[in-house]
Amino acid sequence: MILTAIGNDNAHAFKHLFHGTAPDAYDLCVGAIEDNTAAAAAGFSQIGDSVFLDYIYVAPDFRRQKFATALLEETLSELKNVGIAAVHVNYPEKADDIPLLRSMTG
């Protein structure tokens, strides 16, 4: 699995994972690639020193293989390194279902 930022140069490869929303609608997009195929993507918004997980999707062929976990772990690690103070989930009812985020959400 290769993790990558999604930007103008590679957005076309991940566009189908966003189901009608353009990756550039988010302040930060990250994706996972497996066997030269876009496997997962996440979109975040930033307000000040906080980041909000707005969107995450794993393609059906890659589900239950820890792609979302790896994507979030690496992204959250990088966000901590650049001084992000808090990560929030825009679906609070789901936050407890994501153990990795329980300790990081405010």
PDB file of N, CA and C in Angstrom:
ATOM      1  N   MET A   1       0.848  -1.167   0.000  1.00  0.00           N
ATOM      2  CA  MET A   1       0.000   0.000   0.000  1.00  0.00           C
ATOM      3  C   MET A   1       0.895   1.232   0.000  1.00  0.00           C
ATOM      4  N   ILE A   2       0.553   2.168  -0.858  1.00  0.00           N
ATOM      5  CA  ILE A   2       1.253   3.449  -0.916  1.00  0.00           C
ATOM      6  C   ILE A   2       0.253   4.522  -0.519  1.00  0.00           C
ATOM      7  N   LEU A   3       0.643   5.391   0.402  1.00  0.00           N
ATOM      8  CA  LEU A   3      -0.206   6.506   0.806  1.00  0.00           C
ATOM      9  C   LEU A   3       0.301   7.764   0.122  1.00  0.00           C
ATOM     10  N   THR A   4      -0.624   8.618  -0.317  1.00  0.00           N
ATOM     11  CA  THR A   4      -0.242   9.809  -1.045  1.00  0.00           C
ATOM     12  C   THR A   4      -1.212  10.947  -0.781  1.00  0.00           C
ATOM     13  N   ALA A   5      -0.703  12.163  -0.887  1.00  0.00           N
ATOM     14  CA  ALA A   5      -1.583  13.323  -0.889  1.00  0.00           C
ATOM     15  C   ALA A   5      -2.294  13.335  -2.233  1.00  0.00           C
ATOM     16  N   ILE A   6      -3.532  13.790  -2.245  1.00  0.00           N
ATOM     17  CA  ILE A   6      -4.270  13.908  -3.494  1.00  0.00           C
ATOM     18  C   ILE A   6      -4.265  15.387  -3.871  1.00  0.00           C
ATOM     19  N   GLY A   7      -3.659  15.673  -5.006  1.00  0.00           N
ATOM     20  CA  GLY A   7      -3.582  17.046  -5.495  1.00  0.00           C
ATOM     21  C   GLY A   7      -3.949  17.105  -6.959  1.00  0.00           C
ATOM     22  N   ASN A   8      -3.709  18.243  -7.567  1.00  0.00           N
ATOM     23  CA  ASN A   8      -4.088  18.434  -8.968  1.00  0.00           C
ATOM     24  C   ASN A   8      -3.489  17.390  -9.899  1.00  0.00           C
ATOM     25  N   ASP A   9      -2.267  16.961  -9.607  1.00  0.00           N
ATOM     26  CA  ASP A   9      -1.584  16.034 -10.513  1.00  0.00           C
ATOM     27  C   ASP A   9      -2.136  14.613 -10.488  1.00  0.00           C
ATOM     28  N   ASN A  10      -2.799  14.207  -9.409  1.00  0.00           N
ATOM     29  CA  ASN A  10      -3.293  12.830  -9.336  1.00  0.00           C
ATOM     30  C   ASN A  10      -4.767  12.714  -8.946  1.00  0.00           C
ATOM     31  N   ALA A  11      -5.484  13.821  -8.886  1.00  0.00           N
ATOM     32  CA  ALA A  11      -6.893  13.804  -8.461  1.00  0.00           C
ATOM     33  C   ALA A  11      -7.748  12.909  -9.357  1.00  0.00           C
ATOM     34  N   HIS A  12      -7.417  12.854 -10.640  1.00  0.00           N
ATOM     35  CA  HIS A  12      -8.197  12.035 -11.576  1.00  0.00           C
ATOM     36  C   HIS A  12      -8.206  10.556 -11.176  1.00  0.00           C
ATOM     37  N   ALA A  13      -7.137  10.093 -10.573  1.00  0.00           N
ATOM     38  CA  ALA A  13      -7.046   8.679 -10.179  1.00  0.00           C
ATOM     39  C   ALA A  13      -7.957   8.346  -9.002  1.00  0.00           C
ATOM     40  N   PHE A  14      -8.293   9.353  -8.200  1.00  0.00           N
ATOM     41  CA  PHE A  14      -9.104   9.127  -6.997  1.00  0.00           C
ATOM     42  C   PHE A  14     -10.534   9.641  -7.131  1.00  0.00           C
ATOM     43  N   LYS A  15     -10.819  10.361  -8.200  1.00  0.00           N
ATOM     44  CA  LYS A  15     -12.115  11.031  -8.347  1.00  0.00           C
ATOM     45  C   LYS A  15     -13.295  10.085  -8.145  1.00  0.00           C
ATOM     46  N   HIS A  16     -13.208   8.865  -8.662  1.00  0.00           N
ATOM     47  CA  HIS A  16     -14.326   7.926  -8.534  1.00  0.00           C
ATOM     48  C   HIS A  16     -14.603   7.522  -7.084  1.00  0.00           C
ATOM     49  N   LEU A  17     -13.649   7.694  -6.207  1.00  0.00           N
ATOM     50  CA  LEU A  17     -13.854   7.350  -4.794  1.00  0.00           C
ATOM     51  C   LEU A  17     -14.609   8.437  -4.035  1.00  0.00           C
ATOM     52  N   PHE A  18     -14.772   9.609  -4.634  1.00  0.00           N
ATOM     53  CA  PHE A  18     -15.429  10.725  -3.953  1.00  0.00           C
ATOM     54  C   PHE A  18     -16.910  10.863  -4.310  1.00  0.00           C
ATOM     55  N   HIS A  19     -17.404  10.008  -5.171  1.00  0.00           N
ATOM     56  CA  HIS A  19     -18.841   9.924  -5.475  1.00  0.00           C
ATOM     57  C   HIS A  19     -19.501  11.283  -5.716  1.00  0.00           C
ATOM     58  N   GLY A  20     -18.983  12.005  -6.681  1.00  0.00           N
ATOM     59  CA  GLY A  20     -19.610  13.263  -7.071  1.00  0.00           C
ATOM     60  C   GLY A  20     -19.030  14.506  -6.432  1.00  0.00           C
ATOM     61  N   THR A  21     -18.274  14.362  -5.363  1.00  0.00           N
ATOM     62  CA  THR A  21     -17.609  15.506  -4.746  1.00  0.00           C
ATOM     63  C   THR A  21     -16.177  15.535  -5.265  1.00  0.00           C
ATOM     64  N   ALA A  22     -15.729  16.691  -5.680  1.00  0.00           N
ATOM     65  CA  ALA A  22     -14.358  16.793  -6.181  1.00  0.00           C
ATOM     66  C   ALA A  22     -13.372  16.786  -5.020  1.00  0.00           C
ATOM     67  N   PRO A  23     -12.251  16.092  -5.185  1.00  0.00           N
ATOM     68  CA  PRO A  23     -11.243  16.095  -4.121  1.00  0.00           C
ATOM     69  C   PRO A  23     -10.804  17.501  -3.709  1.00  0.00           C
ATOM     70  N   ASP A  24     -10.826  18.451  -4.649  1.00  0.00           N
ATOM     71  CA  ASP A  24     -10.398  19.804  -4.293  1.00  0.00           C
ATOM     72  C   ASP A  24     -11.428  20.560  -3.461  1.00  0.00           C
ATOM     73  N   ALA A  25     -12.544  19.915  -3.129  1.00  0.00           N
ATOM     74  CA  ALA A  25     -13.529  20.521  -2.228  1.00  0.00           C
ATOM     75  C   ALA A  25     -13.046  20.487  -0.779  1.00  0.00           C
ATOM     76  N   TYR A  26     -11.982  19.743  -0.527  1.00  0.00           N
ATOM     77  CA  TYR A  26     -11.444  19.589   0.823  1.00  0.00           C
ATOM     78  C   TYR A  26     -10.111  20.320   0.940  1.00  0.00           C
ATOM     79  N   ASP A  27      -9.768  20.722   2.149  1.00  0.00           N
ATOM     80  CA  ASP A  27      -8.480  21.378   2.385  1.00  0.00           C
ATOM     81  C   ASP A  27      -7.323  20.396   2.262  1.00  0.00           C
ATOM     82  N   LEU A  28      -7.564  19.152   2.610  1.00  0.00           N
ATOM     83  CA  LEU A  28      -6.546  18.112   2.558  1.00  0.00           C
ATOM     84  C   LEU A  28      -7.202  16.819   2.124  1.00  0.00           C
ATOM     85  N   CYS A  29      -6.620  16.172   1.140  1.00  0.00           N
ATOM     86  CA  CYS A  29      -7.088  14.855   0.701  1.00  0.00           C
ATOM     87  C   CYS A  29      -5.904  13.912   0.690  1.00  0.00           C
ATOM     88  N   VAL A  30      -6.136  12.700   1.161  1.00  0.00           N
ATOM     89  CA  VAL A  30      -5.109  11.667   1.126  1.00  0.00           C
ATOM     90  C   VAL A  30      -5.723  10.406   0.542  1.00  0.00           C
ATOM     91  N   GLY A  31      -4.875   9.596  -0.069  1.00  0.00           N
ATOM     92  CA  GLY A  31      -5.370   8.379  -0.674  1.00  0.00           C
ATOM     93  C   GLY A  31      -4.416   7.222  -0.470  1.00  0.00           C
ATOM     94  N   ALA A  32      -4.945   6.035  -0.653  1.00  0.00           N
ATOM     95  CA  ALA A  32      -4.149   4.807  -0.575  1.00  0.00           C
ATOM     96  C   ALA A  32      -4.200   4.132  -1.936  1.00  0.00           C
ATOM     97  N   ILE A  33      -3.032   3.660  -2.389  1.00  0.00           N
ATOM     98  CA  ILE A  33      -2.918   2.979  -3.668  1.00  0.00           C
ATOM     99  C   ILE A  33      -2.411   1.557  -3.411  1.00  0.00           C
ATOM    100  N   GLU A  34      -3.054   0.603  -4.058  1.00  0.00           N
ATOM    101  CA  GLU A  34      -2.636  -0.793  -3.967  1.00  0.00           C
ATOM    102  C   GLU A  34      -2.660  -1.376  -5.376  1.00  0.00           C
ATOM    103  N   ASP A  35      -1.567  -1.981  -5.798  1.00  0.00           N
ATOM    104  CA  ASP A  35      -1.473  -2.572  -7.128  1.00  0.00           C
ATOM    105  C   ASP A  35      -1.881  -1.578  -8.230  1.00  0.00           C
ATOM    106  N   ASN A  36      -1.369  -0.352  -8.124  1.00  0.00           N
ATOM    107  CA  ASN A  36      -1.642   0.721  -9.094  1.00  0.00           C
ATOM    108  C   ASN A  36      -3.115   1.085  -9.206  1.00  0.00           C
ATOM    109  N   THR A  37      -3.882   0.814  -8.153  1.00  0.00           N
ATOM    110  CA  THR A  37      -5.304   1.128  -8.123  1.00  0.00           C
ATOM    111  C   THR A  37      -5.602   1.986  -6.903  1.00  0.00           C
ATOM    112  N   ALA A  38      -6.393   3.038  -7.097  1.00  0.00           N
ATOM    113  CA  ALA A  38      -6.832   3.865  -5.970  1.00  0.00           C
ATOM    114  C   ALA A  38      -7.754   3.018  -5.094  1.00  0.00           C
ATOM    115  N   ALA A  39      -7.338   2.778  -3.864  1.00  0.00           N
ATOM    116  CA  ALA A  39      -8.068   1.874  -2.977  1.00  0.00           C
ATOM    117  C   ALA A  39      -8.922   2.597  -1.943  1.00  0.00           C
ATOM    118  N   ALA A  40      -8.470   3.760  -1.484  1.00  0.00           N
ATOM    119  CA  ALA A  40      -9.180   4.479  -0.434  1.00  0.00           C
ATOM    120  C   ALA A  40      -8.832   5.955  -0.515  1.00  0.00           C
ATOM    121  N   ALA A  41      -9.729   6.775   0.039  1.00  0.00           N
ATOM    122  CA  ALA A  41      -9.489   8.216   0.052  1.00  0.00           C
ATOM    123  C   ALA A  41     -10.169   8.832   1.261  1.00  0.00           C
ATOM    124  N   ALA A  42      -9.588   9.918   1.743  1.00  0.00           N
ATOM    125  CA  ALA A  42     -10.165  10.663   2.855  1.00  0.00           C
ATOM    126  C   ALA A  42     -10.037  12.152   2.567  1.00  0.00           C
ATOM    127  N   GLY A  43     -11.053  12.910   2.972  1.00  0.00           N
ATOM    128  CA  GLY A  43     -11.051  14.354   2.804  1.00  0.00           C
ATOM    129  C   GLY A  43     -11.200  15.041   4.147  1.00  0.00           C
ATOM    130  N   PHE A  44     -10.386  16.053   4.368  1.00  0.00           N
ATOM    131  CA  PHE A  44     -10.368  16.792   5.630  1.00  0.00           C
ATOM    132  C   PHE A  44     -10.559  18.281   5.366  1.00  0.00           C
ATOM    133  N   SER A  45     -11.199  18.964   6.290  1.00  0.00           N
ATOM    134  CA  SER A  45     -11.278  20.418   6.289  1.00  0.00           C
ATOM    135  C   SER A  45     -10.477  20.923   7.472  1.00  0.00           C
ATOM    136  N   GLN A  46      -9.908  22.109   7.326  1.00  0.00           N
ATOM    137  CA  GLN A  46      -9.129  22.689   8.423  1.00  0.00           C
ATOM    138  C   GLN A  46      -9.721  24.019   8.834  1.00  0.00           C
ATOM    139  N   ILE A  47      -9.847  24.193  10.138  1.00  0.00           N
ATOM    140  CA  ILE A  47     -10.243  25.467  10.716  1.00  0.00           C
ATOM    141  C   ILE A  47      -9.248  25.748  11.824  1.00  0.00           C
ATOM    142  N   GLY A  48      -8.417  26.757  11.619  1.00  0.00           N
ATOM    143  CA  GLY A  48      -7.379  27.074  12.596  1.00  0.00           C
ATOM    144  C   GLY A  48      -6.435  25.907  12.766  1.00  0.00           C
ATOM    145  N   ASP A  49      -6.221  25.511  14.022  1.00  0.00           N
ATOM    146  CA  ASP A  49      -5.315  24.389  14.278  1.00  0.00           C
ATOM    147  C   ASP A  49      -6.068  23.084  14.511  1.00  0.00           C
ATOM    148  N   SER A  50      -7.305  23.028  14.002  1.00  0.00           N
ATOM    149  CA  SER A  50      -8.109  21.808  14.081  1.00  0.00           C
ATOM    150  C   SER A  50      -8.411  21.295  12.677  1.00  0.00           C
ATOM    151  N   VAL A  51      -8.518  19.981  12.557  1.00  0.00           N
ATOM    152  CA  VAL A  51      -8.846  19.337  11.293  1.00  0.00           C
ATOM    153  C   VAL A  51     -10.098  18.490  11.513  1.00  0.00           C
ATOM    154  N   PHE A  52     -10.957  18.482  10.504  1.00  0.00           N
ATOM    155  CA  PHE A  52     -12.202  17.724  10.547  1.00  0.00           C
ATOM    156  C   PHE A  52     -12.182  16.651   9.478  1.00  0.00           C
ATOM    157  N   LEU A  53     -12.376  15.410   9.876  1.00  0.00           N
ATOM    158  CA  LEU A  53     -12.518  14.323   8.915  1.00  0.00           C
ATOM    159  C   LEU A  53     -13.927  14.420   8.353  1.00  0.00           C
ATOM    160  N   ASP A  54     -14.024  14.851   7.099  1.00  0.00           N
ATOM    161  CA  ASP A  54     -15.319  15.038   6.456  1.00  0.00           C
ATOM    162  C   ASP A  54     -15.754  13.832   5.643  1.00  0.00           C
ATOM    163  N   TYR A  55     -14.778  13.071   5.145  1.00  0.00           N
ATOM    164  CA  TYR A  55     -15.119  12.021   4.198  1.00  0.00           C
ATOM    165  C   TYR A  55     -14.050  10.937   4.225  1.00  0.00           C
ATOM    166  N   ILE A  56     -14.488   9.694   4.205  1.00  0.00           N
ATOM    167  CA  ILE A  56     -13.559   8.576   4.044  1.00  0.00           C
ATOM    168  C   ILE A  56     -14.306   7.471   3.309  1.00  0.00           C
ATOM    169  N   TYR A  57     -13.595   6.871   2.356  1.00  0.00           N
ATOM    170  CA  TYR A  57     -14.214   5.818   1.561  1.00  0.00           C
ATOM    171  C   TYR A  57     -13.145   4.812   1.153  1.00  0.00           C
ATOM    172  N   VAL A  58     -13.501   3.537   1.246  1.00  0.00           N
ATOM    173  CA  VAL A  58     -12.629   2.454   0.781  1.00  0.00           C
ATOM    174  C   VAL A  58     -13.389   1.712  -0.319  1.00  0.00           C
ATOM    175  N   ALA A  59     -12.743   1.543  -1.455  1.00  0.00           N
ATOM    176  CA  ALA A  59     -13.355   0.820  -2.570  1.00  0.00           C
ATOM    177  C   ALA A  59     -13.712  -0.602  -2.130  1.00  0.00           C
ATOM    178  N   PRO A  60     -14.817  -1.141  -2.620  1.00  0.00           N
ATOM    179  CA  PRO A  60     -15.289  -2.459  -2.163  1.00  0.00           C
ATOM    180  C   PRO A  60     -14.241  -3.568  -2.205  1.00  0.00           C
ATOM    181  N   ASP A  61     -13.412  -3.618  -3.229  1.00  0.00           N
ATOM    182  CA  ASP A  61     -12.416  -4.689  -3.334  1.00  0.00           C
ATOM    183  C   ASP A  61     -11.327  -4.613  -2.268  1.00  0.00           C
ATOM    184  N   PHE A  62     -11.248  -3.488  -1.563  1.00  0.00           N
ATOM    185  CA  PHE A  62     -10.176  -3.288  -0.590  1.00  0.00           C
ATOM    186  C   PHE A  62     -10.683  -3.189   0.856  1.00  0.00           C
ATOM    187  N   ARG A  63     -11.938  -3.404   1.061  1.00  0.00           N
ATOM    188  CA  ARG A  63     -12.507  -3.312   2.416  1.00  0.00           C
ATOM    189  C   ARG A  63     -12.060  -4.470   3.285  1.00  0.00           C
ATOM    190  N   ARG A  64     -12.057  -4.224   4.580  1.00  0.00           N
ATOM    191  CA  ARG A  64     -11.673  -5.212   5.598  1.00  0.00           C
ATOM    192  C   ARG A  64     -10.211  -5.630   5.481  1.00  0.00           C
ATOM    193  N   GLN A  65      -9.394  -4.735   4.932  1.00  0.00           N
ATOM    194  CA  GLN A  65      -7.965  -5.003   4.807  1.00  0.00           C
ATOM    195  C   GLN A  65      -7.137  -3.913   5.480  1.00  0.00           C
ATOM    196  N   LYS A  66      -7.783  -3.110   6.307  1.00  0.00           N
ATOM    197  CA  LYS A  66      -7.136  -2.072   7.111  1.00  0.00           C
ATOM    198  C   LYS A  66      -6.608  -0.884   6.305  1.00  0.00           C
ATOM    199  N   PHE A  67      -7.185  -0.646   5.131  1.00  0.00           N
ATOM    200  CA  PHE A  67      -6.787   0.515   4.353  1.00  0.00           C
ATOM    201  C   PHE A  67      -7.188   1.811   5.051  1.00  0.00           C
ATOM    202  N   ALA A  68      -8.402   1.871   5.579  1.00  0.00           N
ATOM    203  CA  ALA A  68      -8.848   3.086   6.269  1.00  0.00           C
ATOM    204  C   ALA A  68      -7.994   3.338   7.503  1.00  0.00           C
ATOM    205  N   THR A  69      -7.679   2.292   8.234  1.00  0.00           N
ATOM    206  CA  THR A  69      -6.844   2.435   9.427  1.00  0.00           C
ATOM    207  C   THR A  69      -5.470   2.987   9.063  1.00  0.00           C
ATOM    208  N   ALA A  70      -4.842   2.405   8.066  1.00  0.00           N
ATOM    209  CA  ALA A  70      -3.512   2.875   7.650  1.00  0.00           C
ATOM    210  C   ALA A  70      -3.569   4.312   7.157  1.00  0.00           C
ATOM    211  N   LEU A  71      -4.587   4.622   6.391  1.00  0.00           N
ATOM    212  CA  LEU A  71      -4.754   5.973   5.866  1.00  0.00           C
ATOM    213  C   LEU A  71      -4.878   6.978   7.006  1.00  0.00           C
ATOM    214  N   LEU A  72      -5.716   6.672   7.976  1.00  0.00           N
ATOM    215  CA  LEU A  72      -5.907   7.579   9.107  1.00  0.00           C
ATOM    216  C   LEU A  72      -4.678   7.646  10.008  1.00  0.00           C
ATOM    217  N   GLU A  73      -4.066   6.515  10.298  1.00  0.00           N
ATOM    218  CA  GLU A  73      -2.884   6.527  11.168  1.00  0.00           C
ATOM    219  C   GLU A  73      -1.778   7.407  10.594  1.00  0.00           C
ATOM    220  N   GLU A  74      -1.480   7.228   9.331  1.00  0.00           N
ATOM    221  CA  GLU A  74      -0.400   8.002   8.705  1.00  0.00           C
ATOM    222  C   GLU A  74      -0.754   9.486   8.628  1.00  0.00           C
ATOM    223  N   THR A  75      -1.986   9.766   8.243  1.00  0.00           N
ATOM    224  CA  THR A  75      -2.415  11.163   8.139  1.00  0.00           C
ATOM    225  C   THR A  75      -2.399  11.847   9.498  1.00  0.00           C
ATOM    226  N   LEU A  76      -2.932  11.179  10.507  1.00  0.00           N
ATOM    227  CA  LEU A  76      -2.968  11.779  11.836  1.00  0.00           C
ATOM    228  C   LEU A  76      -1.566  11.979  12.389  1.00  0.00           C
ATOM    229  N   SER A  77      -0.665  11.067  12.114  1.00  0.00           N
ATOM    230  CA  SER A  77       0.718  11.221  12.537  1.00  0.00           C
ATOM    231  C   SER A  77       1.340  12.457  11.893  1.00  0.00           C
ATOM    232  N   GLU A  78       1.126  12.610  10.594  1.00  0.00           N
ATOM    233  CA  GLU A  78       1.665  13.781   9.888  1.00  0.00           C
ATOM    234  C   GLU A  78       1.039  15.074  10.397  1.00  0.00           C
ATOM    235  N   LEU A  79      -0.262  15.044  10.672  1.00  0.00           N
ATOM    236  CA  LEU A  79      -0.928  16.248  11.171  1.00  0.00           C
ATOM    237  C   LEU A  79      -0.369  16.671  12.529  1.00  0.00           C
ATOM    238  N   LYS A  80      -0.082  15.699  13.386  1.00  0.00           N
ATOM    239  CA  LYS A  80       0.535  16.015  14.677  1.00  0.00           C
ATOM    240  C   LYS A  80       1.897  16.681  14.474  1.00  0.00           C
ATOM    241  N   ASN A  81       2.653  16.171  13.494  1.00  0.00           N
ATOM    242  CA  ASN A  81       3.992  16.709  13.228  1.00  0.00           C
ATOM    243  C   ASN A  81       3.977  18.153  12.745  1.00  0.00           C
ATOM    244  N   VAL A  82       2.884  18.583  12.127  1.00  0.00           N
ATOM    245  CA  VAL A  82       2.811  19.958  11.635  1.00  0.00           C
ATOM    246  C   VAL A  82       2.023  20.873  12.567  1.00  0.00           C
ATOM    247  N   GLY A  83       1.693  20.376  13.751  1.00  0.00           N
ATOM    248  CA  GLY A  83       1.107  21.234  14.777  1.00  0.00           C
ATOM    249  C   GLY A  83      -0.403  21.291  14.843  1.00  0.00           C
ATOM    250  N   ILE A  84      -1.090  20.333  14.232  1.00  0.00           N
ATOM    251  CA  ILE A  84      -2.548  20.300  14.361  1.00  0.00           C
ATOM    252  C   ILE A  84      -2.884  19.864  15.784  1.00  0.00           C
ATOM    253  N   ALA A  85      -3.718  20.646  16.447  1.00  0.00           N
ATOM    254  CA  ALA A  85      -4.009  20.407  17.858  1.00  0.00           C
ATOM    255  C   ALA A  85      -5.118  19.379  18.075  1.00  0.00           C
ATOM    256  N   ALA A  86      -6.081  19.302  17.152  1.00  0.00           N
ATOM    257  CA  ALA A  86      -7.214  18.400  17.354  1.00  0.00           C
ATOM    258  C   ALA A  86      -7.730  17.903  16.021  1.00  0.00           C
ATOM    259  N   VAL A  87      -8.245  16.689  16.040  1.00  0.00           N
ATOM    260  CA  VAL A  87      -8.906  16.118  14.880  1.00  0.00           C
ATOM    261  C   VAL A  87     -10.327  15.770  15.311  1.00  0.00           C
ATOM    262  N   HIS A  88     -11.279  16.237  14.535  1.00  0.00           N
ATOM    263  CA  HIS A  88     -12.684  16.008  14.833  1.00  0.00           C
ATOM    264  C   HIS A  88     -13.311  15.192  13.711  1.00  0.00           C
ATOM    265  N   VAL A  89     -14.351  14.458  14.049  1.00  0.00           N
ATOM    266  CA  VAL A  89     -15.103  13.702  13.056  1.00  0.00           C
ATOM    267  C   VAL A  89     -16.413  14.439  12.848  1.00  0.00           C
ATOM    268  N   ASN A  90     -16.740  14.737  11.601  1.00  0.00           N
ATOM    269  CA  ASN A  90     -17.965  15.483  11.331  1.00  0.00           C
ATOM    270  C   ASN A  90     -19.227  14.643  11.465  1.00  0.00           C
ATOM    271  N   TYR A  91     -19.067  13.408  11.863  1.00  0.00           N
ATOM    272  CA  TYR A  91     -20.202  12.547  12.162  1.00  0.00           C
ATOM    273  C   TYR A  91     -20.009  12.030  13.584  1.00  0.00           C
ATOM    274  N   PRO A  92     -20.332  12.859  14.595  1.00  0.00           N
ATOM    275  CA  PRO A  92     -20.029  12.496  15.983  1.00  0.00           C
ATOM    276  C   PRO A  92     -20.572  11.146  16.405  1.00  0.00           C
ATOM    277  N   GLU A  93     -21.700  10.739  15.835  1.00  0.00           N
ATOM    278  CA  GLU A  93     -22.266   9.442  16.212  1.00  0.00           C
ATOM    279  C   GLU A  93     -21.387   8.285  15.764  1.00  0.00           C
ATOM    280  N   LYS A  94     -20.463   8.536  14.825  1.00  0.00           N
ATOM    281  CA  LYS A  94     -19.555   7.497  14.342  1.00  0.00           C
ATOM    282  C   LYS A  94     -18.173   7.572  15.000  1.00  0.00           C
ATOM    283  N   ALA A  95     -17.869   8.642  15.683  1.00  0.00           N
ATOM    284  CA  ALA A  95     -16.524   8.833  16.241  1.00  0.00           C
ATOM    285  C   ALA A  95     -16.108   7.682  17.151  1.00  0.00           C
ATOM    286  N   ASP A  96     -17.025   7.175  17.948  1.00  0.00           N
ATOM    287  CA  ASP A  96     -16.682   6.086  18.861  1.00  0.00           C
ATOM    288  C   ASP A  96     -16.430   4.768  18.132  1.00  0.00           C
ATOM    289  N   ASP A  97     -16.875   4.684  16.873  1.00  0.00           N
ATOM    290  CA  ASP A  97     -16.638   3.476  16.079  1.00  0.00           C
ATOM    291  C   ASP A  97     -15.235   3.449  15.481  1.00  0.00           C
ATOM    292  N   ILE A  98     -14.501   4.546  15.627  1.00  0.00           N
ATOM    293  CA  ILE A  98     -13.149   4.643  15.071  1.00  0.00           C
ATOM    294  C   ILE A  98     -12.185   4.761  16.252  1.00  0.00           C
ATOM    295  N   PRO A  99     -11.704   3.644  16.787  1.00  0.00           N
ATOM    296  CA  PRO A  99     -10.857   3.678  17.998  1.00  0.00           C
ATOM    297  C   PRO A  99      -9.676   4.628  17.869  1.00  0.00           C
ATOM    298  N   LEU A 100      -9.064   4.686  16.721  1.00  0.00           N
ATOM    299  CA  LEU A 100      -7.915   5.549  16.501  1.00  0.00           C
ATOM    300  C   LEU A 100      -8.241   7.011  16.770  1.00  0.00           C
ATOM    301  N   LEU A 101      -9.463   7.409  16.470  1.00  0.00           N
ATOM    302  CA  LEU A 101      -9.845   8.806  16.641  1.00  0.00           C
ATOM    303  C   LEU A 101     -10.319   9.135  18.046  1.00  0.00           C
ATOM    304  N   ARG A 102     -10.736   8.137  18.794  1.00  0.00           N
ATOM    305  CA  ARG A 102     -11.243   8.404  20.139  1.00  0.00           C
ATOM    306  C   ARG A 102     -10.272   9.227  20.966  1.00  0.00           C
ATOM    307  N   SER A 103      -8.991   8.922  20.882  1.00  0.00           N
ATOM    308  CA  SER A 103      -8.014   9.611  21.701  1.00  0.00           C
ATOM    309  C   SER A 103      -7.599  10.960  21.103  1.00  0.00           C
ATOM    310  N   MET A 104      -7.968  11.236  19.852  1.00  0.00           N
ATOM    311  CA  MET A 104      -7.531  12.471  19.204  1.00  0.00           C
ATOM    312  C   MET A 104      -8.634  13.484  19.033  1.00  0.00           C
ATOM    313  N   THR A 105      -9.890  13.092  19.167  1.00  0.00           N
ATOM    314  CA  THR A 105     -10.972  14.029  18.950  1.00  0.00           C
ATOM    315  C   THR A 105     -11.220  14.856  20.195  1.00  0.00           C
ATOM    316  N   GLY A 106     -11.649  16.064  19.976  1.00  0.00           N
ATOM    317  CA  GLY A 106     -11.877  16.982  21.084  1.00  0.00           C
ATOM    318  C   GLY A 106     -13.322  17.131  21.423  1.00  0.00           C
TER     319      GLY A 106
END
